[in-house]
Amino acid sequence: MVGSKMNMRKYLLILSLLFILPLSLAAAEDMPRTFTPAIVKMIGTINPRDVEIIVTNEAGAELTADDALMEFDFPALEQWEVSQSLNFYYSSHLAKNKEGRLSFQIDDLEMDEYNALRVGLELYHNNNTNTRVDPSGNTFVVTFQEGPQEKTAIGTLTVRIRKTAQDIYSAGTYRGYFSMNYTEMN
């Protein structure tokens, strides 16, 4: 009997602990807990779409740095003039207007030091209100408009080569280069 009273006491102790423990936990949850406030910093970036310059040939095909080649066939005449044009456009999505300069430098077409064809560079803004030709004659000054712009005209560059009756050139292949540089103003 003593053993069964002892078992009974253990049983009651365990049973009371099982009821008291959940009650104490429930009471603890009802009490408000305080924490120090946390500050979370949030940083986000919207990347603007930069100005993209697009170049097309006279046929309207877009040119890349890999296929930007101008070939000239010179007639076998006493005097002649040949020319080719490139059209310039831009695409962008700017929050505000931005000004830029698209400058060109051109070399003469040369076969050797004695045979060099003078090359002329002409820029036309084609009555675009957002483009003007710098007084130097070799730079487009462009105001890139805010908002979405898709293939908006900048102007036309024409490379012109003339031979007068007094000019004498040897037959052969003539090579030359012109470079284009874009500078952002603001």
C-alpha atoms as a PDB file:
ATOM      1  CA  MET A   1       0.000   0.000   0.000  1.00  0.00           C
ATOM      2  CA  VAL A   2       2.745   2.326   0.776  1.00  0.00           C
ATOM      3  CA  GLY A   3       4.105   1.683  -2.709  1.00  0.00           C
ATOM      4  CA  SER A   4       0.823   2.414  -4.361  1.00  0.00           C
ATOM      5  CA  LYS A   5       0.427   5.660  -2.342  1.00  0.00           C
ATOM      6  CA  MET A   6       3.872   6.649  -3.549  1.00  0.00           C
ATOM      7  CA  ASN A   7       2.957   5.937  -7.149  1.00  0.00           C
ATOM      8  CA  MET A   8      -0.233   7.869  -6.702  1.00  0.00           C
ATOM      9  CA  ARG A   9       1.674  10.890  -5.383  1.00  0.00           C
ATOM     10  CA  LYS A  10       4.070  10.740  -8.326  1.00  0.00           C
ATOM     11  CA  TYR A  11       1.153  10.481 -10.680  1.00  0.00           C
ATOM     12  CA  LEU A  12      -0.584  13.496  -9.101  1.00  0.00           C
ATOM     13  CA  LEU A  13       2.655  15.491  -9.144  1.00  0.00           C
ATOM     14  CA  ILE A  14       3.236  14.750 -12.815  1.00  0.00           C
ATOM     15  CA  LEU A  15      -0.397  15.481 -13.623  1.00  0.00           C
ATOM     16  CA  SER A  16      -0.330  18.810 -11.771  1.00  0.00           C
ATOM     17  CA  LEU A  17       2.895  19.780 -13.535  1.00  0.00           C
ATOM     18  CA  LEU A  18       1.324  18.990 -16.886  1.00  0.00           C
ATOM     19  CA  PHE A  19      -1.612  21.326 -16.148  1.00  0.00           C
ATOM     20  CA  ILE A  20       0.362  24.072 -14.431  1.00  0.00           C
ATOM     21  CA  LEU A  21       3.049  24.345 -17.117  1.00  0.00           C
ATOM     22  CA  PRO A  22       0.624  25.104 -19.997  1.00  0.00           C
ATOM     23  CA  LEU A  23      -1.293  27.560 -17.788  1.00  0.00           C
ATOM     24  CA  SER A  24       1.896  29.417 -16.910  1.00  0.00           C
ATOM     25  CA  LEU A  25       2.891  29.544 -20.593  1.00  0.00           C
ATOM     26  CA  ALA A  26      -0.527  30.889 -21.534  1.00  0.00           C
ATOM     27  CA  ALA A  27      -0.240  33.532 -18.871  1.00  0.00           C
ATOM     28  CA  ALA A  28       3.200  34.495 -20.112  1.00  0.00           C
ATOM     29  CA  GLU A  29       1.899  34.953 -23.666  1.00  0.00           C
ATOM     30  CA  ASP A  30      -0.774  37.368 -22.519  1.00  0.00           C
ATOM     31  CA  MET A  31       1.820  39.671 -21.064  1.00  0.00           C
ATOM     32  CA  PRO A  32       3.045  42.257 -23.600  1.00  0.00           C
ATOM     33  CA  ARG A  33       6.624  41.941 -24.680  1.00  0.00           C
ATOM     34  CA  THR A  34       8.664  44.984 -25.622  1.00  0.00           C
ATOM     35  CA  PHE A  35      11.440  45.059 -28.203  1.00  0.00           C
ATOM     36  CA  THR A  36      13.712  47.841 -29.299  1.00  0.00           C
ATOM     37  CA  PRO A  37      12.479  49.311 -32.586  1.00  0.00           C
ATOM     38  CA  ALA A  38      14.261  48.126 -35.722  1.00  0.00           C
ATOM     39  CA  ILE A  39      14.971  50.374 -38.697  1.00  0.00           C
ATOM     40  CA  VAL A  40      15.298  48.764 -42.092  1.00  0.00           C
ATOM     41  CA  LYS A  41      16.969  50.835 -44.784  1.00  0.00           C
ATOM     42  CA  MET A  42      15.664  50.282 -48.285  1.00  0.00           C
ATOM     43  CA  ILE A  43      17.647  51.255 -51.359  1.00  0.00           C
ATOM     44  CA  GLY A  44      16.455  50.833 -54.928  1.00  0.00           C
ATOM     45  CA  THR A  45      17.976  51.887 -58.212  1.00  0.00           C
ATOM     46  CA  ILE A  46      16.253  52.687 -61.477  1.00  0.00           C
ATOM     47  CA  ASN A  47      18.840  52.511 -64.213  1.00  0.00           C
ATOM     48  CA  PRO A  48      18.149  55.047 -66.949  1.00  0.00           C
ATOM     49  CA  ARG A  49      18.304  53.893 -70.501  1.00  0.00           C
ATOM     50  CA  ASP A  50      21.323  55.670 -71.868  1.00  0.00           C
ATOM     51  CA  VAL A  51      21.279  57.339 -75.230  1.00  0.00           C
ATOM     52  CA  GLU A  52      21.755  54.816 -78.019  1.00  0.00           C
ATOM     53  CA  ILE A  53      23.077  56.148 -81.339  1.00  0.00           C
ATOM     54  CA  ILE A  54      21.845  54.328 -84.454  1.00  0.00           C
ATOM     55  CA  VAL A  55      23.561  54.667 -87.853  1.00  0.00           C
ATOM     56  CA  THR A  56      21.999  53.639 -91.165  1.00  0.00           C
ATOM     57  CA  ASN A  57      23.364  53.695 -94.698  1.00  0.00           C
ATOM     58  CA  GLU A  58      21.609  55.185 -97.722  1.00  0.00           C
ATOM     59  CA  ALA A  59      19.566  51.991 -98.158  1.00  0.00           C
ATOM     60  CA  GLY A  60      18.299  52.300 -94.564  1.00  0.00           C
ATOM     61  CA  ALA A  61      20.194  49.269 -93.213  1.00  0.00           C
ATOM     62  CA  GLU A  62      21.510  49.670 -89.656  1.00  0.00           C
ATOM     63  CA  LEU A  63      25.291  49.583 -89.382  1.00  0.00           C
ATOM     64  CA  THR A  64      27.422  48.263 -86.545  1.00  0.00           C
ATOM     65  CA  ALA A  65      31.106  48.797 -85.835  1.00  0.00           C
ATOM     66  CA  ASP A  66      31.783  45.511 -87.638  1.00  0.00           C
ATOM     67  CA  ASP A  67      30.083  46.394 -90.913  1.00  0.00           C
ATOM     68  CA  ALA A  68      30.468  50.186 -91.067  1.00  0.00           C
ATOM     69  CA  LEU A  69      32.280  50.396 -94.383  1.00  0.00           C
ATOM     70  CA  MET A  70      31.946  52.951 -97.136  1.00  0.00           C
ATOM     71  CA  GLU A  71      33.152  51.878-100.568  1.00  0.00           C
ATOM     72  CA  PHE A  72      33.523  54.331-103.421  1.00  0.00           C
ATOM     73  CA  ASP A  73      33.788  53.558-107.137  1.00  0.00           C
ATOM     74  CA  PHE A  74      35.500  56.402-108.956  1.00  0.00           C
ATOM     75  CA  PRO A  75      34.588  56.960-112.607  1.00  0.00           C
ATOM     76  CA  ALA A  76      37.300  57.115-115.278  1.00  0.00           C
ATOM     77  CA  LEU A  77      36.518  60.723-116.238  1.00  0.00           C
ATOM     78  CA  GLU A  78      38.430  64.001-116.268  1.00  0.00           C
ATOM     79  CA  GLN A  79      36.334  65.323-113.389  1.00  0.00           C
ATOM     80  CA  TRP A  80      33.806  63.724-111.128  1.00  0.00           C
ATOM     81  CA  GLU A  81      32.135  63.838-107.744  1.00  0.00           C
ATOM     82  CA  VAL A  82      31.005  60.864-105.677  1.00  0.00           C
ATOM     83  CA  SER A  83      29.318  60.868-102.298  1.00  0.00           C
ATOM     84  CA  GLN A  84      27.727  58.600 -99.729  1.00  0.00           C
ATOM     85  CA  SER A  85      25.566  59.484 -96.773  1.00  0.00           C
ATOM     86  CA  LEU A  86      24.960  58.038 -93.331  1.00  0.00           C
ATOM     87  CA  ASN A  87      21.868  58.837 -91.309  1.00  0.00           C
ATOM     88  CA  PHE A  88      22.041  59.195 -87.532  1.00  0.00           C
ATOM     89  CA  TYR A  89      19.208  58.517 -85.080  1.00  0.00           C
ATOM     90  CA  TYR A  90      18.917  58.049 -81.344  1.00  0.00           C
ATOM     91  CA  SER A  91      16.761  56.051 -78.964  1.00  0.00           C
ATOM     92  CA  SER A  92      16.481  56.785 -75.248  1.00  0.00           C
ATOM     93  CA  HIS A  93      14.201  56.995 -72.236  1.00  0.00           C
ATOM     94  CA  LEU A  94      15.391  59.961 -70.195  1.00  0.00           C
ATOM     95  CA  ALA A  95      13.816  61.625 -67.166  1.00  0.00           C
ATOM     96  CA  LYS A  96      14.924  65.060 -68.410  1.00  0.00           C
ATOM     97  CA  ASN A  97      16.417  66.570 -71.547  1.00  0.00           C
ATOM     98  CA  LYS A  98      20.128  65.960 -72.056  1.00  0.00           C
ATOM     99  CA  GLU A  99      22.536  67.658 -74.443  1.00  0.00           C
ATOM    100  CA  GLY A 100      25.308  65.864 -76.288  1.00  0.00           C
ATOM    101  CA  ARG A 101      27.804  66.399 -79.082  1.00  0.00           C
ATOM    102  CA  LEU A 102      28.389  63.903 -81.868  1.00  0.00           C
ATOM    103  CA  SER A 103      31.717  64.893 -83.476  1.00  0.00           C
ATOM    104  CA  PHE A 104      33.396  63.526 -86.585  1.00  0.00           C
ATOM    105  CA  GLN A 105      36.964  63.588 -87.835  1.00  0.00           C
ATOM    106  CA  ILE A 106      37.825  62.476 -91.350  1.00  0.00           C
ATOM    107  CA  ASP A 107      41.073  61.711 -93.165  1.00  0.00           C
ATOM    108  CA  ASP A 108      41.757  61.984 -96.867  1.00  0.00           C
ATOM    109  CA  LEU A 109      41.671  58.800 -98.950  1.00  0.00           C
ATOM    110  CA  GLU A 110      45.275  57.883 -99.652  1.00  0.00           C
ATOM    111  CA  MET A 111      47.057  55.347-101.786  1.00  0.00           C
ATOM    112  CA  ASP A 112      50.528  56.625-100.888  1.00  0.00           C
ATOM    113  CA  GLU A 113      52.143  59.928 -99.938  1.00  0.00           C
ATOM    114  CA  TYR A 114      51.782  61.261-103.527  1.00  0.00           C
ATOM    115  CA  ASN A 115      48.204  60.163-104.166  1.00  0.00           C
ATOM    116  CA  ALA A 116      45.592  61.509-101.766  1.00  0.00           C
ATOM    117  CA  LEU A 117      41.981  62.339-102.570  1.00  0.00           C
ATOM    118  CA  ARG A 118      40.558  65.266-100.645  1.00  0.00           C
ATOM    119  CA  VAL A 119      37.478  64.244 -98.731  1.00  0.00           C
ATOM    120  CA  GLY A 120      34.748  66.624 -97.662  1.00  0.00           C
ATOM    121  CA  LEU A 121      32.464  66.085 -94.709  1.00  0.00           C
ATOM    122  CA  GLU A 122      29.037  67.716 -94.687  1.00  0.00           C
ATOM    123  CA  LEU A 123      26.516  67.575 -91.853  1.00  0.00           C
ATOM    124  CA  TYR A 124      22.808  68.326 -92.274  1.00  0.00           C
ATOM    125  CA  HIS A 125      20.395  68.559 -89.367  1.00  0.00           C
ATOM    126  CA  ASN A 126      17.429  67.980 -91.715  1.00  0.00           C
ATOM    127  CA  ASN A 127      15.315  70.674 -90.023  1.00  0.00           C
ATOM    128  CA  ASN A 128      15.270  68.740 -86.741  1.00  0.00           C
ATOM    129  CA  THR A 129      14.471  71.117 -83.898  1.00  0.00           C
ATOM    130  CA  ASN A 130      16.546  69.026 -81.485  1.00  0.00           C
ATOM    131  CA  THR A 131      19.757  69.188 -83.599  1.00  0.00           C
ATOM    132  CA  ARG A 132      22.055  71.921 -84.828  1.00  0.00           C
ATOM    133  CA  VAL A 133      25.392  71.784 -86.622  1.00  0.00           C
ATOM    134  CA  ASP A 134      28.280  73.323 -84.693  1.00  0.00           C
ATOM    135  CA  PRO A 135      30.008  76.237 -86.532  1.00  0.00           C
ATOM    136  CA  SER A 136      33.085  74.017 -86.945  1.00  0.00           C
ATOM    137  CA  GLY A 137      30.976  71.983 -89.381  1.00  0.00           C
ATOM    138  CA  ASN A 138      32.010  68.602 -88.002  1.00  0.00           C
ATOM    139  CA  THR A 139      29.740  68.249 -84.934  1.00  0.00           C
ATOM    140  CA  PHE A 140      26.053  67.662 -84.308  1.00  0.00           C
ATOM    141  CA  VAL A 141      24.872  69.356 -81.103  1.00  0.00           C
ATOM    142  CA  VAL A 142      21.823  67.362 -80.049  1.00  0.00           C
ATOM    143  CA  THR A 143      19.206  67.922 -77.368  1.00  0.00           C
ATOM    144  CA  PHE A 144      18.011  64.440 -76.472  1.00  0.00           C
ATOM    145  CA  GLN A 145      14.366  64.790 -75.483  1.00  0.00           C
ATOM    146  CA  GLU A 146      12.940  63.474 -72.234  1.00  0.00           C
ATOM    147  CA  GLY A 147      10.614  60.490 -72.211  1.00  0.00           C
ATOM    148  CA  PRO A 148      10.622  57.499 -74.532  1.00  0.00           C
ATOM    149  CA  GLN A 149      12.300  58.208 -77.874  1.00  0.00           C
ATOM    150  CA  GLU A 150      12.586  55.520 -80.552  1.00  0.00           C
ATOM    151  CA  LYS A 151      14.786  56.098 -83.610  1.00  0.00           C
ATOM    152  CA  THR A 152      14.497  59.887 -83.470  1.00  0.00           C
ATOM    153  CA  ALA A 153      16.394  61.612 -86.293  1.00  0.00           C
ATOM    154  CA  ILE A 154      19.615  63.493 -85.478  1.00  0.00           C
ATOM    155  CA  GLY A 155      20.875  64.301 -88.966  1.00  0.00           C
ATOM    156  CA  THR A 156      22.798  63.155 -92.033  1.00  0.00           C
ATOM    157  CA  LEU A 157      26.543  62.959 -92.619  1.00  0.00           C
ATOM    158  CA  THR A 158      27.666  63.065 -96.255  1.00  0.00           C
ATOM    159  CA  VAL A 159      31.169  62.140 -97.359  1.00  0.00           C
ATOM    160  CA  ARG A 160      31.921  63.870-100.663  1.00  0.00           C
ATOM    161  CA  ILE A 161      34.976  63.331-102.901  1.00  0.00           C
ATOM    162  CA  ARG A 162      35.668  65.510-105.943  1.00  0.00           C
ATOM    163  CA  LYS A 163      38.200  65.313-108.750  1.00  0.00           C
ATOM    164  CA  THR A 164      38.761  68.320-110.977  1.00  0.00           C
ATOM    165  CA  ALA A 165      40.220  68.198-114.486  1.00  0.00           C
ATOM    166  CA  GLN A 166      43.542  69.450-113.084  1.00  0.00           C
ATOM    167  CA  ASP A 167      43.841  66.629-110.514  1.00  0.00           C
ATOM    168  CA  ILE A 168      45.925  63.634-111.545  1.00  0.00           C
ATOM    169  CA  TYR A 169      45.740  60.456-109.484  1.00  0.00           C
ATOM    170  CA  SER A 170      47.288  57.023-110.012  1.00  0.00           C
ATOM    171  CA  ALA A 171      45.085  53.984-110.413  1.00  0.00           C
ATOM    172  CA  GLY A 172      44.882  51.838-107.303  1.00  0.00           C
ATOM    173  CA  THR A 173      43.152  51.369-103.971  1.00  0.00           C
ATOM    174  CA  TYR A 174      42.734  54.390-101.729  1.00  0.00           C
ATOM    175  CA  ARG A 175      42.038  54.061 -98.012  1.00  0.00           C
ATOM    176  CA  GLY A 176      40.905  56.490 -95.369  1.00  0.00           C
ATOM    177  CA  TYR A 177      39.103  56.649 -92.057  1.00  0.00           C
ATOM    178  CA  PHE A 178      36.691  58.776 -90.212  1.00  0.00           C
ATOM    179  CA  SER A 179      35.950  58.588 -86.536  1.00  0.00           C
ATOM    180  CA  MET A 180      32.919  59.469 -84.485  1.00  0.00           C
ATOM    181  CA  ASN A 181      32.984  60.636 -80.859  1.00  0.00           C
ATOM    182  CA  TYR A 182      30.033  61.212 -78.523  1.00  0.00           C
ATOM    183  CA  THR A 183      30.352  63.617 -75.575  1.00  0.00           C
ATOM    184  CA  GLU A 184      27.605  64.174 -73.041  1.00  0.00           C
ATOM    185  CA  MET A 185      27.208  67.808 -71.978  1.00  0.00           C
ATOM    186  CA  ASN A 186      24.986  67.591 -68.854  1.00  0.00           C
END
